Amino acid sequence: MNRVVYAIALLLLSWLLMQAVHELGHVAGAWAVGGTVQRVVLHPLTISRTDVVDDVRPLVTVWCGPIVGALLPLLGWWLSGRCRRPLDQALRFFAGFCLIANGAYLAYGSFDGIGDAGELLKHGSPVWT
């Protein structure tokens, strides 16, 4: 029973942290191109979002979400391994979780034109990306 509770808690925590890292990418992308972040919505039972106004380069803002959402956890895991920290296993799991979640999110969204994939397509990114 303890393992089941641990696994569920780990998945829910990973989901929320993955959304936070992903949205951090959108925020950084928006700020980098001079956009104004109006709101970031994070909730463990829904899909997160970042509302940006005055976004002059929406492709940068949108792409930064999955790119940062994948690379930042990988960087954390790599640094953990270099420093021989005890969190190495958890960070490896989280990095893998983020890679799968961001990739599946973009792949699924590209079929229906929803979420970040829909925004990328709307602003001119080719489907294969």
C-alpha atoms as a PDB file:
ATOM      1  CA  MET A   1       0.000   0.000   0.000  1.00  0.00           C
ATOM      2  CA  ASN A   2       2.816   2.422   0.840  1.00  0.00           C
ATOM      3  CA  ARG A   3       4.373   1.926  -2.600  1.00  0.00           C
ATOM      4  CA  VAL A   4       1.093   2.709  -4.340  1.00  0.00           C
ATOM      5  CA  VAL A   5       0.647   5.915  -2.328  1.00  0.00           C
ATOM      6  CA  TYR A   6       4.279   6.861  -3.022  1.00  0.00           C
ATOM      7  CA  ALA A   7       3.885   6.211  -6.758  1.00  0.00           C
ATOM      8  CA  ILE A   8       0.686   8.258  -6.985  1.00  0.00           C
ATOM      9  CA  ALA A   9       2.201  11.113  -4.987  1.00  0.00           C
ATOM     10  CA  LEU A  10       5.342  11.041  -7.151  1.00  0.00           C
ATOM     11  CA  LEU A  11       3.301  11.180 -10.363  1.00  0.00           C
ATOM     12  CA  LEU A  12       1.105  14.030  -9.133  1.00  0.00           C
ATOM     13  CA  LEU A  13       4.107  16.008  -7.907  1.00  0.00           C
ATOM     14  CA  SER A  14       5.947  15.361 -11.176  1.00  0.00           C
ATOM     15  CA  TRP A  15       2.884  16.519 -13.143  1.00  0.00           C
ATOM     16  CA  LEU A  16       2.641  19.791 -11.225  1.00  0.00           C
ATOM     17  CA  LEU A  17       6.393  20.463 -11.340  1.00  0.00           C
ATOM     18  CA  MET A  18       6.512  19.603 -15.062  1.00  0.00           C
ATOM     19  CA  GLN A  19       3.772  22.167 -15.689  1.00  0.00           C
ATOM     20  CA  ALA A  20       5.646  24.752 -13.630  1.00  0.00           C
ATOM     21  CA  VAL A  21       8.894  24.234 -15.560  1.00  0.00           C
ATOM     22  CA  HIS A  22       7.013  24.263 -18.878  1.00  0.00           C
ATOM     23  CA  GLU A  23       5.226  27.513 -18.012  1.00  0.00           C
ATOM     24  CA  LEU A  24       8.510  29.002 -16.782  1.00  0.00           C
ATOM     25  CA  GLY A  25       9.750  28.479 -20.334  1.00  0.00           C
ATOM     26  CA  HIS A  26       6.781  30.384 -21.745  1.00  0.00           C
ATOM     27  CA  VAL A  27       7.351  33.205 -19.243  1.00  0.00           C
ATOM     28  CA  ALA A  28      11.062  33.410 -20.091  1.00  0.00           C
ATOM     29  CA  GLY A  29      10.287  33.340 -23.808  1.00  0.00           C
ATOM     30  CA  ALA A  30       7.687  36.082 -23.492  1.00  0.00           C
ATOM     31  CA  TRP A  31      10.008  38.285 -21.461  1.00  0.00           C
ATOM     32  CA  ALA A  32      12.871  37.668 -23.911  1.00  0.00           C
ATOM     33  CA  VAL A  33      10.858  39.105 -26.811  1.00  0.00           C
ATOM     34  CA  GLY A  34       9.266  41.944 -24.860  1.00  0.00           C
ATOM     35  CA  GLY A  35       5.893  40.342 -24.153  1.00  0.00           C
ATOM     36  CA  THR A  36       3.951  40.955 -20.975  1.00  0.00           C
ATOM     37  CA  VAL A  37       2.876  37.963 -18.912  1.00  0.00           C
ATOM     38  CA  GLN A  38      -0.637  38.604 -17.718  1.00  0.00           C
ATOM     39  CA  ARG A  39      -1.229  35.356 -15.818  1.00  0.00           C
ATOM     40  CA  VAL A  40       0.162  31.873 -15.235  1.00  0.00           C
ATOM     41  CA  VAL A  41      -2.386  29.217 -14.333  1.00  0.00           C
ATOM     42  CA  LEU A  42      -1.085  26.127 -12.511  1.00  0.00           C
ATOM     43  CA  HIS A  43      -3.432  23.513 -11.134  1.00  0.00           C
ATOM     44  CA  PRO A  44      -2.696  19.814 -10.591  1.00  0.00           C
ATOM     45  CA  LEU A  45      -6.005  18.698 -12.115  1.00  0.00           C
ATOM     46  CA  THR A  46      -5.906  20.698 -15.349  1.00  0.00           C
ATOM     47  CA  ILE A  47      -3.597  21.772 -18.142  1.00  0.00           C
ATOM     48  CA  SER A  48      -1.524  24.805 -17.211  1.00  0.00           C
ATOM     49  CA  ARG A  49      -1.323  27.937 -19.321  1.00  0.00           C
ATOM     50  CA  THR A  50       0.458  31.255 -19.592  1.00  0.00           C
ATOM     51  CA  ASP A  51      -1.462  34.273 -20.839  1.00  0.00           C
ATOM     52  CA  VAL A  52       0.739  36.770 -22.663  1.00  0.00           C
ATOM     53  CA  VAL A  53      -0.220  40.166 -24.058  1.00  0.00           C
ATOM     54  CA  ASP A  54       1.812  42.244 -26.515  1.00  0.00           C
ATOM     55  CA  ASP A  55       3.553  39.098 -27.776  1.00  0.00           C
ATOM     56  CA  VAL A  56       5.423  40.283 -30.863  1.00  0.00           C
ATOM     57  CA  ARG A  57       7.112  36.894 -31.464  1.00  0.00           C
ATOM     58  CA  PRO A  58       4.617  34.238 -30.403  1.00  0.00           C
ATOM     59  CA  LEU A  59       6.630  31.370 -31.901  1.00  0.00           C
ATOM     60  CA  VAL A  60       9.501  32.126 -29.515  1.00  0.00           C
ATOM     61  CA  THR A  61       7.144  32.320 -26.552  1.00  0.00           C
ATOM     62  CA  VAL A  62       5.359  29.086 -27.424  1.00  0.00           C
ATOM     63  CA  TRP A  63       8.485  27.094 -28.317  1.00  0.00           C
ATOM     64  CA  CYS A  64      10.233  28.100 -25.093  1.00  0.00           C
ATOM     65  CA  GLY A  65       7.637  26.182 -23.052  1.00  0.00           C
ATOM     66  CA  PRO A  66       8.442  22.664 -24.291  1.00  0.00           C
ATOM     67  CA  ILE A  67      12.134  23.434 -24.877  1.00  0.00           C
ATOM     68  CA  VAL A  68      12.750  24.739 -21.353  1.00  0.00           C
ATOM     69  CA  GLY A  69      10.276  22.157 -20.033  1.00  0.00           C
ATOM     70  CA  ALA A  70      12.509  19.413 -21.408  1.00  0.00           C
ATOM     71  CA  LEU A  71      16.011  20.864 -21.081  1.00  0.00           C
ATOM     72  CA  LEU A  72      15.825  22.327 -17.557  1.00  0.00           C
ATOM     73  CA  PRO A  73      14.952  18.986 -15.916  1.00  0.00           C
ATOM     74  CA  LEU A  74      17.696  17.301 -17.968  1.00  0.00           C
ATOM     75  CA  LEU A  75      20.156  19.934 -16.787  1.00  0.00           C
ATOM     76  CA  GLY A  76      19.062  19.372 -13.178  1.00  0.00           C
ATOM     77  CA  TRP A  77      19.584  15.629 -13.513  1.00  0.00           C
ATOM     78  CA  TRP A  78      22.975  16.111 -15.192  1.00  0.00           C
ATOM     79  CA  LEU A  79      24.133  18.510 -12.477  1.00  0.00           C
ATOM     80  CA  SER A  80      22.914  16.110  -9.804  1.00  0.00           C
ATOM     81  CA  GLY A  81      24.971  13.322 -11.334  1.00  0.00           C
ATOM     82  CA  ARG A  82      28.054  15.528 -11.569  1.00  0.00           C
ATOM     83  CA  CYS A  83      27.738  16.485  -7.890  1.00  0.00           C
ATOM     84  CA  ARG A  84      26.807  12.952  -6.777  1.00  0.00           C
ATOM     85  CA  ARG A  85      23.693  14.178  -5.004  1.00  0.00           C
ATOM     86  CA  PRO A  86      21.234  11.744  -3.408  1.00  0.00           C
ATOM     87  CA  LEU A  87      18.389  13.147  -5.522  1.00  0.00           C
ATOM     88  CA  ASP A  88      19.870  11.678  -8.695  1.00  0.00           C
ATOM     89  CA  GLN A  89      17.224   8.938  -9.063  1.00  0.00           C
ATOM     90  CA  ALA A  90      14.313  11.308  -8.465  1.00  0.00           C
ATOM     91  CA  LEU A  91      15.727  13.890 -10.868  1.00  0.00           C
ATOM     92  CA  ARG A  92      16.293  11.206 -13.494  1.00  0.00           C
ATOM     93  CA  PHE A  93      12.659  10.128 -13.151  1.00  0.00           C
ATOM     94  CA  PHE A  94      11.493  13.739 -13.328  1.00  0.00           C
ATOM     95  CA  ALA A  95      13.596  14.473 -16.422  1.00  0.00           C
ATOM     96  CA  GLY A  96      12.190  11.423 -18.185  1.00  0.00           C
ATOM     97  CA  PHE A  97       8.677  12.341 -17.107  1.00  0.00           C
ATOM     98  CA  CYS A  98       9.116  15.862 -18.519  1.00  0.00           C
ATOM     99  CA  LEU A  99      10.510  14.587 -21.824  1.00  0.00           C
ATOM    100  CA  ILE A 100       7.599  12.194 -22.276  1.00  0.00           C
ATOM    101  CA  ALA A 101       4.952  14.689 -21.124  1.00  0.00           C
ATOM    102  CA  ASN A 102       6.180  17.564 -23.314  1.00  0.00           C
ATOM    103  CA  GLY A 103       6.647  15.306 -26.336  1.00  0.00           C
ATOM    104  CA  ALA A 104       3.247  13.653 -25.959  1.00  0.00           C
ATOM    105  CA  TYR A 105       1.599  17.043 -25.407  1.00  0.00           C
ATOM    106  CA  LEU A 106       3.018  18.419 -28.654  1.00  0.00           C
ATOM    107  CA  ALA A 107       2.366  15.231 -30.604  1.00  0.00           C
ATOM    108  CA  TYR A 108      -1.246  14.887 -29.474  1.00  0.00           C
ATOM    109  CA  GLY A 109      -1.935  18.588 -29.913  1.00  0.00           C
ATOM    110  CA  SER A 110      -0.625  18.565 -33.464  1.00  0.00           C
ATOM    111  CA  PHE A 111      -3.380  16.154 -34.530  1.00  0.00           C
ATOM    112  CA  ASP A 112      -6.205  18.280 -33.154  1.00  0.00           C
ATOM    113  CA  GLY A 113      -4.529  21.699 -33.352  1.00  0.00           C
ATOM    114  CA  ILE A 114      -4.897  22.318 -29.615  1.00  0.00           C
ATOM    115  CA  GLY A 115      -2.639  23.701 -26.897  1.00  0.00           C
ATOM    116  CA  ASP A 116       0.904  24.737 -27.730  1.00  0.00           C
ATOM    117  CA  ALA A 117       0.914  22.625 -30.887  1.00  0.00           C
ATOM    118  CA  GLY A 118      -2.157  24.464 -32.141  1.00  0.00           C
ATOM    119  CA  GLU A 119      -0.493  27.806 -31.401  1.00  0.00           C
ATOM    120  CA  LEU A 120       2.688  26.721 -33.163  1.00  0.00           C
ATOM    121  CA  LEU A 121       0.729  25.667 -36.245  1.00  0.00           C
ATOM    122  CA  LYS A 122      -1.352  28.858 -36.178  1.00  0.00           C
ATOM    123  CA  HIS A 123       1.792  31.008 -36.158  1.00  0.00           C
ATOM    124  CA  GLY A 124       3.533  29.168 -38.982  1.00  0.00           C
ATOM    125  CA  SER A 125       5.548  26.278 -37.551  1.00  0.00           C
ATOM    126  CA  PRO A 126       5.501  23.280 -39.877  1.00  0.00           C
ATOM    127  CA  VAL A 127       3.642  20.179 -38.643  1.00  0.00           C
ATOM    128  CA  TRP A 128       6.806  18.028 -38.591  1.00  0.00           C
ATOM    129  CA  THR A 129       8.335  20.207 -35.852  1.00  0.00           C
END
